[in-house]
Structures are given as structure tokens and as C-alpha cells.
Amino acid sequence: TGDANDYVGKGMAGGKIAIKPHLGTAFKCNEATIIGNTCLYGATGGKLFAAGKAGERFGVRNSGTIAVIEGAGDNACEYMTGGIVAILGATGVNFGAGMTGGFAYVLDENQDFQGRVNNESVEAISLSDLYIHQEHLRGLIAEHLEETGSSHAEHILANFDEWIPKFYLVKPQAADLNT
């Protein structure tokens, strides 16, 4: 309970990290930064749940960790080779630069995510017709809610069908969704 600084989960190979604000916090967790820059750098396994935003370069070189956060700065999922990241909020620019594996779910409430993606490395596809991925995302958000008590996650789950058109699946350009 509380917040954390840079490099949370650096080199993480297993286990679980859950970060949430103190009970009774007056601010909305999805509007505040709760973990710093370069979190999950080089992580190979385990899970991270953070009820709030991450700083810049979140998930750089992630090669196997599953993570759910509520926003991220620039260069998120850069050079990612594996793992799954769900971002329940806005991201900075250059998302997915150099990503060669794994995938991400990203919430695009402001309809500006396509302009923030590194289109040379990744492709962002609407989740509207990807039913298996919708259920996968629902499960990740439910686990995030269980671990953090996030009111933002609770709201998304309660109105899931309304939120789905605002989500993208982000995958490396070379990856095939059908395999």
C-alpha cells in the first residue's frame, strides 16, 4: 500500500507485486502516478498490478511478465519480447517501439492512441470483434480489481460492453493473431 519509485519489478522472474493507494485516498487512482519510470525492465515472469499510472518506459524489455496498470508515460512496452500488458488509461508517445513479442491491451478514451503508437514496430487492432481477447482482458481486469481494489477497474468491469470499443490489442507487426 502506497506508491513506489523507479525500477519496480526490474528483472522480476516470478512472484506478484500489487501496488495500491492507501484506503481513503481522495484522488482517483487512475489519474495519479503510483509507480515511477522504467518499471519491469528486463522482467521475465510473475505479475504486477498497480492501481494508478506508471512513468515512462514501462515494460521495457519485458519478456514474460503479466502486468495491469492504469496509464503510462512515453515509450511503454519498448523492446518487449514477451508477456502481456494491460493499460487501463492513456499512454505517452512511441508505444511499442521495437516490440517483437508479447502483446498489450490499451484503453483509448481520448481516441488518440493510434497517433501514439510506433507503427513501424506494432499494429493496434480494435478489440470490438476479438471475442477471445475480450474475455482474456476481462479476466486480467478482474484480477487487477481483486489485487488492488481499483475503483477504475470496478467501473470498467461493471460496464464492460461499453468500454470494449475503446480498447486496442497491440501486437508486433510480424505477429499473426491467428497463430
Protein backbone atom coordinates (compact mmCIF):
# COMPACT_ATOMS: atom_id res chain seq x y z
CA THR A 1 0.00 0.00 0.00
CA GLY A 2 1.39 3.36 -1.05
CA ASP A 3 3.44 4.34 -4.07
CA ALA A 4 6.83 3.31 -5.42
CA ASN A 5 9.66 4.89 -7.34
CA ASP A 6 11.61 3.85 -10.44
CA TYR A 7 12.55 0.29 -11.46
CA VAL A 8 9.72 -1.56 -9.67
CA GLY A 9 9.98 -5.20 -10.76
CA LYS A 10 13.33 -4.78 -12.55
CA GLY A 11 14.49 -8.24 -13.58
CA MET A 12 11.44 -9.84 -11.94
CA ALA A 13 11.38 -13.58 -12.67
CA GLY A 14 8.31 -14.65 -10.68
CA GLY A 15 6.03 -13.73 -7.83
CA LYS A 16 3.48 -10.96 -7.65
CA ILE A 17 3.64 -7.24 -6.94
CA ALA A 18 0.44 -5.32 -6.12
CA ILE A 19 0.60 -1.57 -5.54
CA LYS A 20 -2.42 0.42 -4.44
CA PRO A 21 -3.09 3.75 -2.74
CA HIS A 22 -3.91 3.99 0.95
CA LEU A 23 -7.56 3.50 1.93
CA GLY A 24 -9.48 6.76 1.93
CA THR A 25 -7.25 8.44 -0.64
CA ALA A 26 -9.11 11.45 -2.04
CA PHE A 27 -7.77 11.30 -5.61
CA LYS A 28 -8.84 8.93 -8.37
CA CYS A 29 -6.13 6.29 -8.63
CA ASN A 30 -6.31 6.14 -12.43
CA GLU A 31 -5.47 9.86 -12.60
CA ALA A 32 -2.34 9.68 -10.41
CA THR A 33 1.09 8.15 -10.89
CA ILE A 34 1.74 5.33 -8.44
CA ILE A 35 4.97 3.82 -9.83
CA GLY A 36 7.96 5.54 -11.40
CA ASN A 37 9.96 5.13 -14.60
CA THR A 38 11.39 2.01 -16.21
CA CYS A 39 9.31 -0.46 -14.20
CA LEU A 40 9.54 -4.15 -15.20
CA TYR A 41 12.80 -3.53 -17.03
CA GLY A 42 14.00 -6.91 -18.28
CA ALA A 43 11.33 -8.82 -16.34
CA THR A 44 10.88 -12.46 -17.35
CA GLY A 45 7.97 -13.68 -15.22
CA GLY A 46 5.48 -13.01 -12.47
CA LYS A 47 2.69 -10.45 -12.28
CA LEU A 48 2.42 -6.76 -11.47
CA PHE A 49 -0.77 -4.87 -10.63
CA ALA A 50 -0.67 -1.12 -9.99
CA ALA A 51 -3.80 0.92 -9.25
CA GLY A 52 -2.52 4.07 -10.89
CA LYS A 53 -0.27 5.28 -13.69
CA ALA A 54 3.32 4.29 -14.41
CA GLY A 55 6.03 6.70 -15.52
CA GLU A 56 7.97 6.49 -18.76
CA ARG A 57 9.44 3.34 -20.34
CA PHE A 58 7.07 0.93 -18.57
CA GLY A 59 7.68 -2.71 -19.51
CA VAL A 60 10.88 -2.06 -21.47
CA ARG A 61 12.47 -5.43 -22.38
CA ASN A 62 9.58 -7.29 -20.71
CA SER A 63 9.89 -10.87 -21.85
CA GLY A 64 7.30 -12.73 -19.82
CA THR A 65 5.61 -10.71 -17.08
CA ILE A 66 1.86 -10.06 -16.97
CA ALA A 67 1.00 -6.53 -15.83
CA VAL A 68 -2.06 -4.33 -15.39
CA ILE A 69 -1.65 -0.58 -14.81
CA GLU A 70 -3.91 2.44 -15.30
CA GLY A 71 -1.82 4.65 -17.61
CA ALA A 72 1.79 5.04 -18.75
CA GLY A 73 4.24 7.65 -19.99
CA ASP A 74 6.26 7.67 -23.21
CA ASN A 75 7.94 4.56 -24.68
CA ALA A 76 5.80 1.96 -22.87
CA CYS A 77 6.39 -1.65 -23.95
CA GLU A 78 9.56 -0.64 -25.79
CA TYR A 79 11.65 -3.63 -26.96
CA MET A 80 9.15 -6.02 -25.37
CA THR A 81 9.78 -9.64 -26.40
CA GLY A 82 7.07 -11.44 -24.40
CA GLY A 83 4.48 -11.10 -21.70
CA ILE A 84 1.15 -9.30 -21.56
CA VAL A 85 0.50 -5.71 -20.52
CA ALA A 86 -2.96 -4.19 -19.98
CA ILE A 87 -3.08 -0.40 -19.67
CA LEU A 88 -6.42 0.92 -18.43
CA GLY A 89 -5.70 4.52 -19.40
CA ALA A 90 -3.75 6.84 -21.64
CA THR A 91 -0.18 6.30 -22.77
CA GLY A 92 2.56 8.59 -23.95
CA VAL A 93 4.09 8.55 -27.43
CA ASN A 94 6.22 5.90 -29.16
CA PHE A 95 4.26 2.99 -27.70
CA GLY A 96 5.69 -0.42 -28.58
CA ALA A 97 8.87 0.77 -30.33
CA GLY A 98 10.96 -2.29 -31.13
CA MET A 99 8.34 -4.70 -29.74
CA THR A 100 8.95 -8.19 -31.16
CA GLY A 101 6.85 -10.39 -28.87
CA GLY A 102 4.04 -10.43 -26.36
CA PHE A 103 1.09 -8.10 -26.68
CA ALA A 104 -0.74 -5.31 -24.90
CA TYR A 105 -4.29 -4.15 -24.33
CA VAL A 106 -4.62 -0.36 -24.24
CA LEU A 107 -7.65 1.74 -23.32
CA ASP A 108 -8.09 4.71 -25.66
CA GLU A 109 -10.65 7.00 -24.03
CA ASN A 110 -9.44 10.09 -25.92
CA GLN A 111 -9.35 8.47 -29.37
CA ASP A 112 -5.72 9.48 -29.86
CA PHE A 113 -3.85 6.21 -29.28
CA GLN A 114 -3.27 5.50 -32.99
CA GLY A 115 -1.14 8.65 -33.09
CA ARG A 116 0.93 7.48 -30.10
CA VAL A 117 1.81 4.03 -31.46
CA ASN A 118 5.14 3.27 -33.12
CA ASN A 119 3.62 2.00 -36.38
CA GLU A 120 6.99 0.73 -37.64
CA SER A 121 7.05 -1.91 -34.89
CA VAL A 122 3.46 -2.62 -33.86
CA GLU A 123 -0.12 -2.74 -35.04
CA ALA A 124 -3.09 -1.62 -32.92
CA ILE A 125 -6.31 -3.55 -33.60
CA SER A 126 -9.72 -2.75 -32.14
CA LEU A 127 -10.95 -5.33 -29.63
CA SER A 128 -14.53 -4.94 -30.87
CA ASP A 129 -14.50 -8.22 -32.85
CA LEU A 130 -11.83 -10.12 -30.92
CA TYR A 131 -14.08 -12.00 -28.51
CA ILE A 132 -11.48 -14.36 -27.04
CA HIS A 133 -9.22 -11.39 -26.30
CA GLN A 134 -12.16 -9.52 -24.75
CA GLU A 135 -12.63 -12.35 -22.26
CA HIS A 136 -8.90 -12.52 -21.60
CA LEU A 137 -8.86 -8.78 -20.88
CA ARG A 138 -11.92 -9.12 -18.63
CA GLY A 139 -10.06 -11.74 -16.58
CA LEU A 140 -6.97 -9.54 -16.27
CA ILE A 141 -9.06 -6.58 -15.11
CA ALA A 142 -10.92 -8.79 -12.61
CA GLU A 143 -7.59 -9.98 -11.18
CA HIS A 144 -6.38 -6.36 -11.04
CA LEU A 145 -9.52 -5.40 -9.10
CA GLU A 146 -9.03 -8.31 -6.70
CA GLU A 147 -5.39 -7.40 -6.06
CA THR A 148 -5.72 -3.60 -5.83
CA GLY A 149 -9.37 -2.72 -5.14
CA SER A 150 -9.19 -0.25 -8.05
CA SER A 151 -12.44 1.68 -8.47
CA HIS A 152 -11.45 2.31 -12.10
CA ALA A 153 -11.20 -1.44 -12.77
CA GLU A 154 -14.51 -1.98 -10.97
CA HIS A 155 -16.21 0.64 -13.18
CA ILE A 156 -14.81 -0.89 -16.38
CA LEU A 157 -15.97 -4.38 -15.39
CA ALA A 158 -19.45 -3.14 -14.43
CA ASN A 159 -19.83 -1.55 -17.88
CA PHE A 160 -17.57 -3.86 -19.87
CA ASP A 161 -19.57 -3.91 -23.12
CA GLU A 162 -19.49 -0.10 -23.25
CA TRP A 163 -15.72 0.01 -22.69
CA ILE A 164 -14.67 -2.69 -25.19
CA PRO A 165 -14.86 -0.43 -28.30
CA LYS A 166 -12.31 1.85 -26.59
CA PHE A 167 -9.67 -0.90 -26.24
CA TYR A 168 -6.94 -1.90 -28.67
CA LEU A 169 -4.88 -5.04 -28.85
CA VAL A 170 -1.31 -4.06 -29.70
CA LYS A 171 0.91 -6.71 -31.27
CA PRO A 172 4.22 -6.75 -33.12
CA GLN A 173 3.83 -6.13 -36.87
CA ALA A 174 5.26 -9.58 -37.63
CA ALA A 175 2.93 -11.45 -35.24
CA ASP A 176 -0.13 -13.23 -36.62
CA LEU A 177 -3.28 -13.06 -34.48
CA ASN A 178 -4.43 -16.42 -35.82
CA THR A 179 -1.46 -18.40 -34.54
